[in-house]
Amino acid sequence: MSINLQRGITRDPIVHVDSIPLEGLLCVTSHPKGTGGEIVFENPEKRRAQEQSTAECKSLYMKSGELTFFNGSRREHYVRPLICPET
């Protein structure tokens, strides 16, 4: 188990895969579309890291209390930086 906390607007996204096949994400805060914090799944056929266009990626906008599972060892993914500083 690991806990990742994203704070502020200075964090650079790190595209990665996980060492375990089953990844579970529990979101404890909501981030409306356009504010950052969404989970982005890379297109495996276009491995250009963050330089991919948005159309080549799939974004998941989670809300507080949502739990989602995916194969973290096969899907390259990252969390987009927050756009607005914390209030």
Protein backbone atom coordinates (compact mmCIF):
# COMPACT_ATOMS: atom_id res chain seq x y z
CA MET A 1 0.00 0.00 0.00
CA SER A 2 1.18 3.49 -0.75
CA ILE A 3 -0.37 6.88 -0.23
CA ASN A 4 0.36 9.68 -2.67
CA LEU A 5 -0.47 13.25 -1.80
CA GLN A 6 -0.50 15.91 -4.49
CA ARG A 7 -0.16 19.46 -3.26
CA GLY A 8 0.35 22.76 -5.05
CA ILE A 9 1.03 23.47 -8.68
CA THR A 10 4.75 22.72 -8.96
CA ARG A 11 4.70 18.93 -9.18
CA ASP A 12 5.92 17.46 -12.48
CA PRO A 13 3.97 14.44 -13.70
CA ILE A 14 5.92 11.17 -13.73
CA VAL A 15 4.76 8.66 -16.32
CA HIS A 16 5.11 5.20 -14.82
CA VAL A 17 3.86 1.65 -14.50
CA ASP A 18 3.49 -0.05 -11.14
CA SER A 19 5.14 -3.26 -9.97
CA ILE A 20 1.81 -4.84 -9.07
CA PRO A 21 -0.81 -5.75 -11.66
CA LEU A 22 -3.87 -4.60 -9.73
CA GLU A 23 -3.87 -0.89 -8.92
CA GLY A 24 -6.66 0.54 -6.79
CA LEU A 25 -7.18 4.28 -6.50
CA LEU A 26 -9.40 5.81 -3.85
CA CYS A 27 -9.97 9.50 -4.43
CA VAL A 28 -10.50 11.59 -1.30
CA THR A 29 -10.99 14.97 -2.99
CA SER A 30 -12.80 16.08 -6.14
CA HIS A 31 -11.14 18.12 -8.86
CA PRO A 32 -13.51 19.57 -11.45
CA LYS A 33 -12.51 19.23 -15.09
CA GLY A 34 -9.94 21.87 -15.99
CA THR A 35 -8.37 22.14 -12.52
CA GLY A 36 -5.80 19.33 -12.87
CA GLY A 37 -5.42 16.27 -10.67
CA GLU A 38 -6.89 13.84 -13.21
CA ILE A 39 -5.32 10.45 -13.86
CA VAL A 40 -3.99 10.16 -17.40
CA PHE A 41 -3.46 6.83 -19.15
CA GLU A 42 -0.87 6.93 -21.90
CA ASN A 43 -1.54 5.52 -25.34
CA PRO A 44 0.89 2.57 -25.48
CA GLU A 45 1.29 2.99 -29.24
CA LYS A 46 2.47 6.60 -28.87
CA ARG A 47 5.18 6.59 -26.21
CA ARG A 48 6.15 10.25 -26.15
CA ALA A 49 5.55 10.73 -22.38
CA GLN A 50 3.90 14.05 -21.53
CA GLU A 51 4.50 15.35 -25.07
CA GLN A 52 1.51 13.36 -26.32
CA SER A 53 -1.48 15.38 -27.36
CA THR A 54 -4.53 15.13 -25.13
CA ALA A 55 -6.34 13.26 -27.91
CA GLU A 56 -3.81 10.43 -27.64
CA CYS A 57 -4.39 9.93 -23.90
CA LYS A 58 -7.36 8.87 -21.79
CA SER A 59 -8.11 10.98 -18.73
CA LEU A 60 -10.04 9.87 -15.67
CA TYR A 61 -11.70 12.60 -13.61
CA MET A 62 -12.43 11.06 -10.21
CA LYS A 63 -14.69 12.42 -7.49
CA SER A 64 -14.29 12.15 -3.76
CA GLY A 65 -15.25 8.68 -2.55
CA GLU A 66 -14.77 6.94 -5.91
CA LEU A 67 -12.67 3.78 -6.10
CA THR A 68 -11.30 2.51 -9.40
CA PHE A 69 -9.09 -0.45 -10.32
CA PHE A 70 -6.87 -1.00 -13.36
CA ASN A 71 -3.82 -3.00 -14.39
CA GLY A 72 -1.05 -0.72 -13.14
CA SER A 73 1.73 -2.91 -14.47
CA ARG A 74 0.53 -2.64 -18.07
CA ARG A 75 -0.98 0.84 -18.30
CA GLU A 76 1.45 3.76 -18.27
CA HIS A 77 -0.16 6.51 -16.22
CA TYR A 78 0.41 9.70 -14.28
CA VAL A 79 -1.50 12.39 -12.40
CA ARG A 80 -1.71 15.83 -14.03
CA PRO A 81 -0.44 18.70 -11.87
CA LEU A 82 -2.98 20.90 -10.15
CA ILE A 83 -3.67 24.15 -11.99
CA CYS A 84 -4.77 26.25 -9.02
CA PRO A 85 -2.78 26.57 -5.78
CA GLU A 86 -4.40 25.32 -2.61
CA THR A 87 -6.81 27.69 -0.92
